[in-house]
ModelCIF file with pLDDT and N, C-alpha, C, O atoms, coordinates in Angstrom:
data_MODEL
#
_entry.id   MODEL 
#
_entity.id                         1 
_entity.type                       polymer 
_entity.pdbx_number_of_molecules   1 
#
_entity_poly.entity_id                      1 
_entity_poly.type                           'polypeptide(L)' 
_entity_poly.nstd_linkage                   no 
_entity_poly.nstd_monomer                   no 
_entity_poly.pdbx_seq_one_letter_code       
;(UNK)(UNK)(UNK)(UNK)(UNK)(UNK)(UNK)(UNK)(UNK)(UNK)(UNK)(UNK)(UNK)(UNK)(UNK)(UNK)
(UNK)(UNK)(UNK)(UNK)(UNK)(UNK)(UNK)(UNK)(UNK)(UNK)(UNK)(UNK)(UNK)(UNK)(UNK)(UNK)
(UNK)(UNK)(UNK)(UNK)(UNK)(UNK)(UNK)(UNK)(UNK)(UNK)(UNK)
;
_entity_poly.pdbx_seq_one_letter_code_can   XXXXXXXXXXXXXXXXXXXXXXXXXXXXXXXXXXXXXXXXXXX 
_entity_poly.pdbx_strand_id                 A 
#
loop_
_entity_poly_seq.entity_id 
_entity_poly_seq.num 
_entity_poly_seq.mon_id 
_entity_poly_seq.hetero 
1 1  UNK n 
1 2  UNK n 
1 3  UNK n 
1 4  UNK n 
1 5  UNK n 
1 6  UNK n 
1 7  UNK n 
1 8  UNK n 
1 9  UNK n 
1 10 UNK n 
1 11 UNK n 
1 12 UNK n 
1 13 UNK n 
1 14 UNK n 
1 15 UNK n 
1 16 UNK n 
1 17 UNK n 
1 18 UNK n 
1 19 UNK n 
1 20 UNK n 
1 21 UNK n 
1 22 UNK n 
1 23 UNK n 
1 24 UNK n 
1 25 UNK n 
1 26 UNK n 
1 27 UNK n 
1 28 UNK n 
1 29 UNK n 
1 30 UNK n 
1 31 UNK n 
1 32 UNK n 
1 33 UNK n 
1 34 UNK n 
1 35 UNK n 
1 36 UNK n 
1 37 UNK n 
1 38 UNK n 
1 39 UNK n 
1 40 UNK n 
1 41 UNK n 
1 42 UNK n 
1 43 UNK n 
#
_struct_asym.id          A 
_struct_asym.entity_id   1 
#
loop_
_ma_qa_metric.id 
_ma_qa_metric.mode 
_ma_qa_metric.name 
_ma_qa_metric.software_group_id 
_ma_qa_metric.type 
1 global pLDDT . pLDDT 
2 local  pLDDT . pLDDT 
#
_ma_qa_metric_global.metric_id      1 
_ma_qa_metric_global.metric_value   93.77 
_ma_qa_metric_global.model_id       1 
_ma_qa_metric_global.ordinal_id     1 
#
loop_
_ma_qa_metric_local.label_asym_id 
_ma_qa_metric_local.label_comp_id 
_ma_qa_metric_local.label_seq_id 
_ma_qa_metric_local.metric_id 
_ma_qa_metric_local.metric_value 
_ma_qa_metric_local.model_id 
_ma_qa_metric_local.ordinal_id 
A UNK 1  2 98.00 1 1  
A UNK 2  2 98.00 1 2  
A UNK 3  2 98.00 1 3  
A UNK 4  2 94.00 1 4  
A UNK 5  2 88.00 1 5  
A UNK 6  2 87.00 1 6  
A UNK 7  2 88.00 1 7  
A UNK 8  2 88.00 1 8  
A UNK 9  2 94.00 1 9  
A UNK 10 2 96.00 1 10 
A UNK 11 2 97.00 1 11 
A UNK 12 2 97.00 1 12 
A UNK 13 2 97.00 1 13 
A UNK 14 2 98.00 1 14 
A UNK 15 2 98.00 1 15 
A UNK 16 2 98.00 1 16 
A UNK 17 2 98.00 1 17 
A UNK 18 2 98.00 1 18 
A UNK 19 2 97.00 1 19 
A UNK 20 2 96.00 1 20 
A UNK 21 2 94.00 1 21 
A UNK 22 2 96.00 1 22 
A UNK 23 2 96.00 1 23 
A UNK 24 2 97.00 1 24 
A UNK 25 2 98.00 1 25 
A UNK 26 2 98.00 1 26 
A UNK 27 2 98.00 1 27 
A UNK 28 2 98.00 1 28 
A UNK 29 2 98.00 1 29 
A UNK 30 2 98.00 1 30 
A UNK 31 2 98.00 1 31 
A UNK 32 2 94.00 1 32 
A UNK 33 2 93.00 1 33 
A UNK 34 2 94.00 1 34 
A UNK 35 2 96.00 1 35 
A UNK 36 2 94.00 1 36 
A UNK 37 2 93.00 1 37 
A UNK 38 2 90.00 1 38 
A UNK 39 2 85.00 1 39 
A UNK 40 2 85.00 1 40 
A UNK 41 2 84.00 1 41 
A UNK 42 2 76.00 1 42 
A UNK 43 2 76.00 1 43 
#
loop_
_atom_site.group_PDB 
_atom_site.id 
_atom_site.type_symbol 
_atom_site.label_atom_id 
_atom_site.label_alt_id 
_atom_site.label_comp_id 
_atom_site.label_asym_id 
_atom_site.label_entity_id 
_atom_site.label_seq_id 
_atom_site.pdbx_PDB_ins_code 
_atom_site.Cartn_x 
_atom_site.Cartn_y 
_atom_site.Cartn_z 
_atom_site.occupancy 
_atom_site.B_iso_or_equiv 
_atom_site.pdbx_formal_charge 
_atom_site.auth_seq_id 
_atom_site.auth_comp_id 
_atom_site.auth_asym_id 
_atom_site.auth_atom_id 
_atom_site.pdbx_PDB_model_num 
ATOM 1   N N  . UNK A 1 1  ? 32.641 -21.785 64.197 1.00 98.00 ? 1  UNK A N  1 
ATOM 2   C CA . UNK A 1 1  ? 31.806 -21.967 63.015 1.00 98.00 ? 1  UNK A CA 1 
ATOM 3   C C  . UNK A 1 1  ? 31.857 -20.697 62.171 1.00 98.00 ? 1  UNK A C  1 
ATOM 4   O O  . UNK A 1 1  ? 31.779 -19.585 62.693 1.00 98.00 ? 1  UNK A O  1 
ATOM 5   N N  . UNK A 1 2  ? 31.988 -20.883 60.861 1.00 98.00 ? 2  UNK A N  1 
ATOM 6   C CA . UNK A 1 2  ? 31.795 -19.762 59.936 1.00 98.00 ? 2  UNK A CA 1 
ATOM 7   C C  . UNK A 1 2  ? 30.362 -19.863 59.427 1.00 98.00 ? 2  UNK A C  1 
ATOM 8   O O  . UNK A 1 2  ? 29.991 -20.834 58.768 1.00 98.00 ? 2  UNK A O  1 
ATOM 9   N N  . UNK A 1 3  ? 29.565 -18.848 59.741 1.00 98.00 ? 3  UNK A N  1 
ATOM 10  C CA . UNK A 1 3  ? 28.116 -18.897 59.548 1.00 98.00 ? 3  UNK A CA 1 
ATOM 11  C C  . UNK A 1 3  ? 27.733 -18.157 58.278 1.00 98.00 ? 3  UNK A C  1 
ATOM 12  O O  . UNK A 1 3  ? 27.939 -16.949 58.158 1.00 98.00 ? 3  UNK A O  1 
ATOM 13  N N  . UNK A 1 4  ? 27.167 -18.906 57.323 1.00 94.00 ? 4  UNK A N  1 
ATOM 14  C CA . UNK A 1 4  ? 26.604 -18.311 56.122 1.00 94.00 ? 4  UNK A CA 1 
ATOM 15  C C  . UNK A 1 4  ? 25.244 -17.751 56.523 1.00 94.00 ? 4  UNK A C  1 
ATOM 16  O O  . UNK A 1 4  ? 24.289 -18.509 56.696 1.00 94.00 ? 4  UNK A O  1 
ATOM 17  N N  . UNK A 1 5  ? 25.149 -16.460 56.668 1.00 88.00 ? 5  UNK A N  1 
ATOM 18  C CA . UNK A 1 5  ? 24.116 -15.835 57.470 1.00 88.00 ? 5  UNK A CA 1 
ATOM 19  C C  . UNK A 1 5  ? 22.714 -15.880 56.922 1.00 88.00 ? 5  UNK A C  1 
ATOM 20  O O  . UNK A 1 5  ? 22.466 -16.253 55.775 1.00 88.00 ? 5  UNK A O  1 
ATOM 21  N N  . UNK A 1 6  ? 21.812 -15.487 57.784 1.00 87.00 ? 6  UNK A N  1 
ATOM 22  C CA . UNK A 1 6  ? 20.384 -15.432 57.506 1.00 87.00 ? 6  UNK A CA 1 
ATOM 23  C C  . UNK A 1 6  ? 19.925 -14.090 58.031 1.00 87.00 ? 6  UNK A C  1 
ATOM 24  O O  . UNK A 1 6  ? 20.004 -13.833 59.233 1.00 87.00 ? 6  UNK A O  1 
ATOM 25  N N  . UNK A 1 7  ? 19.452 -13.242 57.160 1.00 88.00 ? 7  UNK A N  1 
ATOM 26  C CA . UNK A 1 7  ? 19.171 -11.867 57.587 1.00 88.00 ? 7  UNK A CA 1 
ATOM 27  C C  . UNK A 1 7  ? 18.159 -11.813 58.730 1.00 88.00 ? 7  UNK A C  1 
ATOM 28  O O  . UNK A 1 7  ? 17.205 -12.589 58.792 1.00 88.00 ? 7  UNK A O  1 
ATOM 29  N N  . UNK A 1 8  ? 18.408 -10.871 59.624 1.00 88.00 ? 8  UNK A N  1 
ATOM 30  C CA . UNK A 1 8  ? 17.479 -10.575 60.721 1.00 88.00 ? 8  UNK A CA 1 
ATOM 31  C C  . UNK A 1 8  ? 17.194 -11.801 61.588 1.00 88.00 ? 8  UNK A C  1 
ATOM 32  O O  . UNK A 1 8  ? 16.063 -12.005 62.031 1.00 88.00 ? 8  UNK A O  1 
ATOM 33  N N  . UNK A 1 9  ? 18.218 -12.611 61.826 1.00 94.00 ? 9  UNK A N  1 
ATOM 34  C CA . UNK A 1 9  ? 18.017 -13.828 62.622 1.00 94.00 ? 9  UNK A CA 1 
ATOM 35  C C  . UNK A 1 9  ? 18.886 -13.864 63.874 1.00 94.00 ? 9  UNK A C  1 
ATOM 36  O O  . UNK A 1 9  ? 18.970 -14.900 64.533 1.00 94.00 ? 9  UNK A O  1 
ATOM 37  N N  . UNK A 1 10 ? 19.530 -12.757 64.210 1.00 96.00 ? 10 UNK A N  1 
ATOM 38  C CA . UNK A 1 10 ? 20.251 -12.664 65.473 1.00 96.00 ? 10 UNK A CA 1 
ATOM 39  C C  . UNK A 1 10 ? 21.626 -13.293 65.499 1.00 96.00 ? 10 UNK A C  1 
ATOM 40  O O  . UNK A 1 10 ? 22.195 -13.473 66.576 1.00 96.00 ? 10 UNK A O  1 
ATOM 41  N N  . UNK A 1 11 ? 22.179 -13.633 64.341 1.00 97.00 ? 11 UNK A N  1 
ATOM 42  C CA . UNK A 1 11 ? 23.472 -14.333 64.353 1.00 97.00 ? 11 UNK A CA 1 
ATOM 43  C C  . UNK A 1 11 ? 24.621 -13.422 64.778 1.00 97.00 ? 11 UNK A C  1 
ATOM 44  O O  . UNK A 1 11 ? 25.511 -13.850 65.512 1.00 97.00 ? 11 UNK A O  1 
ATOM 45  N N  . UNK A 1 12 ? 24.606 -12.176 64.327 1.00 97.00 ? 12 UNK A N  1 
ATOM 46  C CA . UNK A 1 12 ? 25.637 -11.221 64.755 1.00 97.00 ? 12 UNK A CA 1 
ATOM 47  C C  . UNK A 1 12 ? 25.562 -11.021 66.268 1.00 97.00 ? 12 UNK A C  1 
ATOM 48  O O  . UNK A 1 12 ? 26.586 -11.008 66.951 1.00 97.00 ? 12 UNK A O  1 
ATOM 49  N N  . UNK A 1 13 ? 24.351 -10.868 66.780 1.00 97.00 ? 13 UNK A N  1 
ATOM 50  C CA . UNK A 1 13 ? 24.173 -10.653 68.224 1.00 97.00 ? 13 UNK A CA 1 
ATOM 51  C C  . UNK A 1 13 ? 24.611 -11.885 69.018 1.00 97.00 ? 13 UNK A C  1 
ATOM 52  O O  . UNK A 1 13 ? 25.236 -11.755 70.071 1.00 97.00 ? 13 UNK A O  1 
ATOM 53  N N  . UNK A 1 14 ? 24.286 -13.081 68.516 1.00 98.00 ? 14 UNK A N  1 
ATOM 54  C CA . UNK A 1 14 ? 24.724 -14.296 69.188 1.00 98.00 ? 14 UNK A CA 1 
ATOM 55  C C  . UNK A 1 14 ? 26.236 -14.393 69.191 1.00 98.00 ? 14 UNK A C  1 
ATOM 56  O O  . UNK A 1 14 ? 26.836 -14.755 70.203 1.00 98.00 ? 14 UNK A O  1 
ATOM 57  N N  . UNK A 1 15 ? 26.859 -14.071 68.061 1.00 98.00 ? 15 UNK A N  1 
ATOM 58  C CA . UNK A 1 15 ? 28.336 -14.048 67.995 1.00 98.00 ? 15 UNK A CA 1 
ATOM 59  C C  . UNK A 1 15 ? 28.916 -13.180 69.094 1.00 98.00 ? 15 UNK A C  1 
ATOM 60  O O  . UNK A 1 15 ? 29.855 -13.582 69.782 1.00 98.00 ? 15 UNK A O  1 
ATOM 61  N N  . UNK A 1 16 ? 28.358 -11.991 69.260 1.00 98.00 ? 16 UNK A N  1 
ATOM 62  C CA . UNK A 1 16 ? 28.923 -11.045 70.219 1.00 98.00 ? 16 UNK A CA 1 
ATOM 63  C C  . UNK A 1 16 ? 28.675 -11.489 71.666 1.00 98.00 ? 16 UNK A C  1 
ATOM 64  O O  . UNK A 1 16 ? 29.539 -11.311 72.524 1.00 98.00 ? 16 UNK A O  1 
ATOM 65  N N  . UNK A 1 17 ? 27.509 -12.061 71.936 1.00 98.00 ? 17 UNK A N  1 
ATOM 66  C CA . UNK A 1 17 ? 27.222 -12.566 73.278 1.00 98.00 ? 17 UNK A CA 1 
ATOM 67  C C  . UNK A 1 17 ? 28.164 -13.712 73.653 1.00 98.00 ? 17 UNK A C  1 
ATOM 68  O O  . UNK A 1 17 ? 28.633 -13.786 74.789 1.00 98.00 ? 17 UNK A O  1 
ATOM 69  N N  . UNK A 1 18 ? 28.439 -14.597 72.705 1.00 98.00 ? 18 UNK A N  1 
ATOM 70  C CA . UNK A 1 18 ? 29.372 -15.699 72.965 1.00 98.00 ? 18 UNK A CA 1 
ATOM 71  C C  . UNK A 1 18 ? 30.774 -15.154 73.176 1.00 98.00 ? 18 UNK A C  1 
ATOM 72  O O  . UNK A 1 18 ? 31.493 -15.610 74.065 1.00 98.00 ? 18 UNK A O  1 
ATOM 73  N N  . UNK A 1 19 ? 31.167 -14.176 72.358 1.00 97.00 ? 19 UNK A N  1 
ATOM 74  C CA . UNK A 1 19 ? 32.510 -13.609 72.477 1.00 97.00 ? 19 UNK A CA 1 
ATOM 75  C C  . UNK A 1 19 ? 32.689 -12.917 73.830 1.00 97.00 ? 19 UNK A C  1 
ATOM 76  O O  . UNK A 1 19 ? 33.783 -12.929 74.395 1.00 97.00 ? 19 UNK A O  1 
ATOM 77  N N  . UNK A 1 20 ? 31.608 -12.311 74.353 1.00 96.00 ? 20 UNK A N  1 
ATOM 78  C CA . UNK A 1 20 ? 31.675 -11.668 75.672 1.00 96.00 ? 20 UNK A CA 1 
ATOM 79  C C  . UNK A 1 20 ? 31.506 -12.674 76.809 1.00 96.00 ? 20 UNK A C  1 
ATOM 80  O O  . UNK A 1 20 ? 31.563 -12.314 77.985 1.00 96.00 ? 20 UNK A O  1 
ATOM 81  N N  . UNK A 1 21 ? 31.299 -13.929 76.445 1.00 94.00 ? 21 UNK A N  1 
ATOM 82  C CA . UNK A 1 21 ? 31.133 -15.030 77.395 1.00 94.00 ? 21 UNK A CA 1 
ATOM 83  C C  . UNK A 1 21 ? 29.860 -14.880 78.216 1.00 94.00 ? 21 UNK A C  1 
ATOM 84  O O  . UNK A 1 21 ? 29.768 -15.372 79.340 1.00 94.00 ? 21 UNK A O  1 
ATOM 85  N N  . UNK A 1 22 ? 28.879 -14.190 77.635 1.00 96.00 ? 22 UNK A N  1 
ATOM 86  C CA . UNK A 1 22 ? 27.558 -14.142 78.249 1.00 96.00 ? 22 UNK A CA 1 
ATOM 87  C C  . UNK A 1 22 ? 26.763 -15.391 77.919 1.00 96.00 ? 22 UNK A C  1 
ATOM 88  O O  . UNK A 1 22 ? 25.864 -15.776 78.667 1.00 96.00 ? 22 UNK A O  1 
ATOM 89  N N  . UNK A 1 23 ? 27.093 -16.029 76.794 1.00 96.00 ? 23 UNK A N  1 
ATOM 90  C CA . UNK A 1 23 ? 26.499 -17.296 76.392 1.00 96.00 ? 23 UNK A CA 1 
ATOM 91  C C  . UNK A 1 23 ? 27.611 -18.315 76.209 1.00 96.00 ? 23 UNK A C  1 
ATOM 92  O O  . UNK A 1 23 ? 28.724 -17.961 75.819 1.00 96.00 ? 23 UNK A O  1 
ATOM 93  N N  . UNK A 1 24 ? 27.312 -19.584 76.489 1.00 97.00 ? 24 UNK A N  1 
ATOM 94  C CA . UNK A 1 24 ? 28.214 -20.678 76.121 1.00 97.00 ? 24 UNK A CA 1 
ATOM 95  C C  . UNK A 1 24 ? 27.915 -21.059 74.679 1.00 97.00 ? 24 UNK A C  1 
ATOM 96  O O  . UNK A 1 24 ? 26.759 -21.271 74.312 1.00 97.00 ? 24 UNK A O  1 
ATOM 97  N N  . UNK A 1 25 ? 28.949 -21.145 73.873 1.00 98.00 ? 25 UNK A N  1 
ATOM 98  C CA . UNK A 1 25 ? 28.753 -21.546 72.490 1.00 98.00 ? 25 UNK A CA 1 
ATOM 99  C C  . UNK A 1 25 ? 30.059 -21.529 71.737 1.00 98.00 ? 25 UNK A C  1 
ATOM 100 O O  . UNK A 1 25 ? 31.074 -21.070 72.260 1.00 98.00 ? 25 UNK A O  1 
ATOM 101 N N  . UNK A 1 26 ? 30.046 -22.026 70.511 1.00 98.00 ? 26 UNK A N  1 
ATOM 102 C CA . UNK A 1 26 ? 31.240 -21.957 69.677 1.00 98.00 ? 26 UNK A CA 1 
ATOM 103 C C  . UNK A 1 26 ? 31.482 -20.525 69.218 1.00 98.00 ? 26 UNK A C  1 
ATOM 104 O O  . UNK A 1 26 ? 30.546 -19.731 69.126 1.00 98.00 ? 26 UNK A O  1 
ATOM 105 N N  . UNK A 1 27 ? 32.719 -20.201 68.935 1.00 98.00 ? 27 UNK A N  1 
ATOM 106 C CA . UNK A 1 27 ? 33.012 -18.895 68.348 1.00 98.00 ? 27 UNK A CA 1 
ATOM 107 C C  . UNK A 1 27 ? 32.385 -18.844 66.956 1.00 98.00 ? 27 UNK A C  1 
ATOM 108 O O  . UNK A 1 27 ? 32.395 -19.835 66.227 1.00 98.00 ? 27 UNK A O  1 
ATOM 109 N N  . UNK A 1 28 ? 31.845 -17.689 66.596 1.00 98.00 ? 28 UNK A N  1 
ATOM 110 C CA . UNK A 1 28 ? 31.165 -17.542 65.318 1.00 98.00 ? 28 UNK A CA 1 
ATOM 111 C C  . UNK A 1 28 ? 31.833 -16.463 64.473 1.00 98.00 ? 28 UNK A C  1 
ATOM 112 O O  . UNK A 1 28 ? 32.203 -15.403 64.978 1.00 98.00 ? 28 UNK A O  1 
ATOM 113 N N  . UNK A 1 29 ? 31.980 -16.744 63.205 1.00 98.00 ? 29 UNK A N  1 
ATOM 114 C CA . UNK A 1 29 ? 32.324 -15.752 62.192 1.00 98.00 ? 29 UNK A CA 1 
ATOM 115 C C  . UNK A 1 29 ? 31.136 -15.695 61.242 1.00 98.00 ? 29 UNK A C  1 
ATOM 116 O O  . UNK A 1 29 ? 30.738 -16.716 60.681 1.00 98.00 ? 29 UNK A O  1 
ATOM 117 N N  . UNK A 1 30 ? 30.567 -14.504 61.058 1.00 98.00 ? 30 UNK A N  1 
ATOM 118 C CA . UNK A 1 30 ? 29.244 -14.405 60.446 1.00 98.00 ? 30 UNK A CA 1 
ATOM 119 C C  . UNK A 1 30 ? 29.242 -13.487 59.221 1.00 98.00 ? 30 UNK A C  1 
ATOM 120 O O  . UNK A 1 30 ? 29.807 -12.393 59.240 1.00 98.00 ? 30 UNK A O  1 
ATOM 121 N N  . UNK A 1 31 ? 28.587 -13.967 58.150 1.00 98.00 ? 31 UNK A N  1 
ATOM 122 C CA . UNK A 1 31 ? 28.153 -13.094 57.052 1.00 98.00 ? 31 UNK A CA 1 
ATOM 123 C C  . UNK A 1 31 ? 26.684 -12.769 57.316 1.00 98.00 ? 31 UNK A C  1 
ATOM 124 O O  . UNK A 1 31 ? 25.867 -13.689 57.359 1.00 98.00 ? 31 UNK A O  1 
ATOM 125 N N  . UNK A 1 32 ? 26.315 -11.497 57.496 1.00 94.00 ? 32 UNK A N  1 
ATOM 126 C CA . UNK A 1 32 ? 24.940 -11.179 57.876 1.00 94.00 ? 32 UNK A CA 1 
ATOM 127 C C  . UNK A 1 32 ? 23.895 -11.660 56.874 1.00 94.00 ? 32 UNK A C  1 
ATOM 128 O O  . UNK A 1 32 ? 22.746 -11.897 57.246 1.00 94.00 ? 32 UNK A O  1 
ATOM 129 N N  . UNK A 1 33 ? 24.279 -11.806 55.618 1.00 93.00 ? 33 UNK A N  1 
ATOM 130 C CA . UNK A 1 33 ? 23.375 -12.282 54.573 1.00 93.00 ? 33 UNK A CA 1 
ATOM 131 C C  . UNK A 1 33 ? 24.228 -12.528 53.345 1.00 93.00 ? 33 UNK A C  1 
ATOM 132 O O  . UNK A 1 33 ? 25.376 -12.086 53.292 1.00 93.00 ? 33 UNK A O  1 
ATOM 133 N N  . UNK A 1 34 ? 23.691 -13.224 52.361 1.00 94.00 ? 34 UNK A N  1 
ATOM 134 C CA . UNK A 1 34 ? 24.429 -13.389 51.119 1.00 94.00 ? 34 UNK A CA 1 
ATOM 135 C C  . UNK A 1 34 ? 24.143 -12.208 50.191 1.00 94.00 ? 34 UNK A C  1 
ATOM 136 O O  . UNK A 1 34 ? 23.277 -11.381 50.474 1.00 94.00 ? 34 UNK A O  1 
ATOM 137 N N  . UNK A 1 35 ? 24.886 -12.139 49.076 1.00 96.00 ? 35 UNK A N  1 
ATOM 138 C CA . UNK A 1 35 ? 24.606 -11.173 48.023 1.00 96.00 ? 35 UNK A CA 1 
ATOM 139 C C  . UNK A 1 35 ? 24.225 -11.965 46.781 1.00 96.00 ? 35 UNK A C  1 
ATOM 140 O O  . UNK A 1 35 ? 25.021 -12.751 46.267 1.00 96.00 ? 35 UNK A O  1 
ATOM 141 N N  . UNK A 1 36 ? 23.009 -11.755 46.304 1.00 94.00 ? 36 UNK A N  1 
ATOM 142 C CA . UNK A 1 36 ? 22.462 -12.532 45.190 1.00 94.00 ? 36 UNK A CA 1 
ATOM 143 C C  . UNK A 1 36 ? 21.852 -11.605 44.151 1.00 94.00 ? 36 UNK A C  1 
ATOM 144 O O  . UNK A 1 36 ? 21.260 -10.580 44.491 1.00 94.00 ? 36 UNK A O  1 
ATOM 145 N N  . UNK A 1 37 ? 22.000 -11.971 42.883 1.00 93.00 ? 37 UNK A N  1 
ATOM 146 C CA . UNK A 1 37 ? 21.341 -11.218 41.824 1.00 93.00 ? 37 UNK A CA 1 
ATOM 147 C C  . UNK A 1 37 ? 19.862 -11.607 41.756 1.00 93.00 ? 37 UNK A C  1 
ATOM 148 O O  . UNK A 1 37 ? 19.465 -12.665 42.244 1.00 93.00 ? 37 UNK A O  1 
ATOM 149 N N  . UNK A 1 38 ? 19.069 -10.753 41.156 1.00 90.00 ? 38 UNK A N  1 
ATOM 150 C CA . UNK A 1 38 ? 17.675 -11.080 40.891 1.00 90.00 ? 38 UNK A CA 1 
ATOM 151 C C  . UNK A 1 38 ? 17.621 -12.326 39.991 1.00 90.00 ? 38 UNK A C  1 
ATOM 152 O O  . UNK A 1 38 ? 18.269 -12.379 38.946 1.00 90.00 ? 38 UNK A O  1 
ATOM 153 N N  . UNK A 1 39 ? 16.842 -13.315 40.415 1.00 85.00 ? 39 UNK A N  1 
ATOM 154 C CA . UNK A 1 39 ? 16.770 -14.568 39.672 1.00 85.00 ? 39 UNK A CA 1 
ATOM 155 C C  . UNK A 1 39 ? 17.947 -15.480 39.912 1.00 85.00 ? 39 UNK A C  1 
ATOM 156 O O  . UNK A 1 39 ? 18.070 -16.513 39.254 1.00 85.00 ? 39 UNK A O  1 
ATOM 157 N N  . UNK A 1 40 ? 18.818 -15.124 40.844 1.00 85.00 ? 40 UNK A N  1 
ATOM 158 C CA . UNK A 1 40 ? 19.972 -15.952 41.164 1.00 85.00 ? 40 UNK A CA 1 
ATOM 159 C C  . UNK A 1 40 ? 19.670 -16.955 42.265 1.00 85.00 ? 40 UNK A C  1 
ATOM 160 O O  . UNK A 1 40 ? 18.534 -17.072 42.727 1.00 85.00 ? 40 UNK A O  1 
ATOM 161 N N  . UNK A 1 41 ? 20.699 -17.672 42.676 1.00 84.00 ? 41 UNK A N  1 
ATOM 162 C CA . UNK A 1 41 ? 20.533 -18.761 43.631 1.00 84.00 ? 41 UNK A CA 1 
ATOM 163 C C  . UNK A 1 41 ? 19.887 -18.300 44.931 1.00 84.00 ? 41 UNK A C  1 
ATOM 164 O O  . UNK A 1 41 ? 18.970 -18.953 45.431 1.00 84.00 ? 41 UNK A O  1 
ATOM 165 N N  . UNK A 1 42 ? 20.352 -17.187 45.481 1.00 76.00 ? 42 UNK A N  1 
ATOM 166 C CA . UNK A 1 42 ? 19.777 -16.699 46.729 1.00 76.00 ? 42 UNK A CA 1 
ATOM 167 C C  . UNK A 1 42 ? 18.345 -16.238 46.575 1.00 76.00 ? 42 UNK A C  1 
ATOM 168 O O  . UNK A 1 42 ? 17.523 -16.459 47.464 1.00 76.00 ? 42 UNK A O  1 
ATOM 169 N N  . UNK A 1 43 ? 18.032 -15.594 45.448 1.00 76.00 ? 43 UNK A N  1 
ATOM 170 C CA . UNK A 1 43 ? 16.670 -15.141 45.188 1.00 76.00 ? 43 UNK A CA 1 
ATOM 171 C C  . UNK A 1 43 ? 15.716 -16.321 45.068 1.00 76.00 ? 43 UNK A C  1 
ATOM 172 O O  . UNK A 1 43 ? 14.521 -16.129 44.847 1.00 76.00 ? 43 UNK A O  1 
#
């Protein structure tokens, strides 16, 4: 899964745990958060 990230939600850590095979799960590619302008879609 390519994960459009959510800040401070543990997605990077989950990616690494799965990659180390400490957790069962799909491989993850993660953006830690989006980049949005003030008044833009993310805001």
